[in-house]
Amino acid sequence: MAALHSKTTHPKPNDWRKEDEPWPIWAALMVFLNALVISGMVWGLPGIVAVMVGAAFFMVVVLILIVSG
């Protein structure tokens, strides 16, 4: 049984970009949604409309920064 355990490989710390999980996309979406929700809670519907363009731009920026490292 010990031989089976010694053959397992664990991912190295620098291999996180090779995974197929779409966590950068979810992180960028959460930044976008947080900005919209906070503006909606503070200023209502006009706040959502006013912040939407800037939030979408920063969502793309955050996504690019996370994916490219």
Protein backbone atom coordinates (compact mmCIF):
# COMPACT_ATOMS: atom_id res chain seq x y z
CA MET A 1 0.00 0.00 0.00
CA ALA A 2 2.85 2.38 0.68
CA ALA A 3 4.03 2.01 -2.91
CA LEU A 4 0.72 3.36 -4.23
CA HIS A 5 0.92 6.41 -2.03
CA SER A 6 4.47 7.24 -3.12
CA LYS A 7 3.47 7.29 -6.81
CA THR A 8 0.89 10.03 -6.45
CA THR A 9 1.97 13.42 -7.71
CA HIS A 10 0.96 16.67 -6.13
CA PRO A 11 0.79 19.90 -8.12
CA LYS A 12 3.72 22.21 -7.67
CA PRO A 13 3.04 25.76 -6.43
CA ASN A 14 3.76 27.24 -9.89
CA ASP A 15 1.40 24.88 -11.73
CA TRP A 16 -1.81 26.70 -10.78
CA ARG A 17 -2.04 28.39 -14.20
CA LYS A 18 -2.10 25.01 -15.94
CA GLU A 19 -5.35 23.98 -14.31
CA ASP A 20 -8.51 24.12 -16.37
CA GLU A 21 -10.61 25.82 -13.71
CA PRO A 22 -12.17 29.12 -14.82
CA TRP A 23 -11.61 30.91 -11.50
CA PRO A 24 -10.21 34.12 -13.10
CA ILE A 25 -13.45 34.59 -14.98
CA TRP A 26 -15.47 34.17 -11.79
CA ALA A 27 -13.20 36.58 -9.93
CA ALA A 28 -13.64 39.25 -12.60
CA LEU A 29 -17.40 38.73 -12.61
CA MET A 30 -17.53 39.10 -8.84
CA VAL A 31 -15.68 42.43 -9.03
CA PHE A 32 -18.21 43.62 -11.64
CA LEU A 33 -21.21 42.44 -9.63
CA ASN A 34 -19.90 43.88 -6.37
CA ALA A 35 -19.49 47.31 -7.97
CA LEU A 36 -23.02 47.17 -9.38
CA VAL A 37 -24.61 46.00 -6.14
CA ILE A 38 -22.83 48.60 -4.01
CA SER A 39 -23.76 51.41 -6.41
CA GLY A 40 -27.33 50.17 -6.53
CA MET A 41 -27.56 50.11 -2.76
CA VAL A 42 -26.11 53.60 -2.41
CA TRP A 43 -27.65 55.48 -5.37
CA GLY A 44 -30.42 53.21 -6.68
CA LEU A 45 -31.07 52.61 -10.38
CA PRO A 46 -29.27 55.77 -11.61
CA GLY A 47 -26.18 54.59 -9.71
CA ILE A 48 -26.24 51.22 -11.44
CA VAL A 49 -26.47 52.87 -14.85
CA ALA A 50 -23.72 55.37 -14.03
CA VAL A 51 -21.30 52.75 -12.73
CA MET A 52 -21.96 49.97 -15.26
CA VAL A 53 -19.51 51.12 -17.95
CA GLY A 54 -16.66 51.68 -15.52
CA ALA A 55 -17.34 48.40 -13.73
CA ALA A 56 -17.33 46.48 -17.01
CA PHE A 57 -14.02 48.10 -17.99
CA PHE A 58 -12.41 47.25 -14.67
CA MET A 59 -13.80 43.69 -14.87
CA VAL A 60 -11.89 43.22 -18.11
CA VAL A 61 -8.76 44.78 -16.58
CA VAL A 62 -8.92 42.49 -13.55
CA LEU A 63 -9.46 39.47 -15.80
CA ILE A 64 -6.44 40.36 -17.93
CA LEU A 65 -4.25 40.92 -14.87
CA ILE A 66 -5.26 37.63 -13.27
CA VAL A 67 -4.88 35.54 -16.40
CA SER A 68 -1.57 37.04 -17.52
CA GLY A 69 -0.10 37.04 -14.02
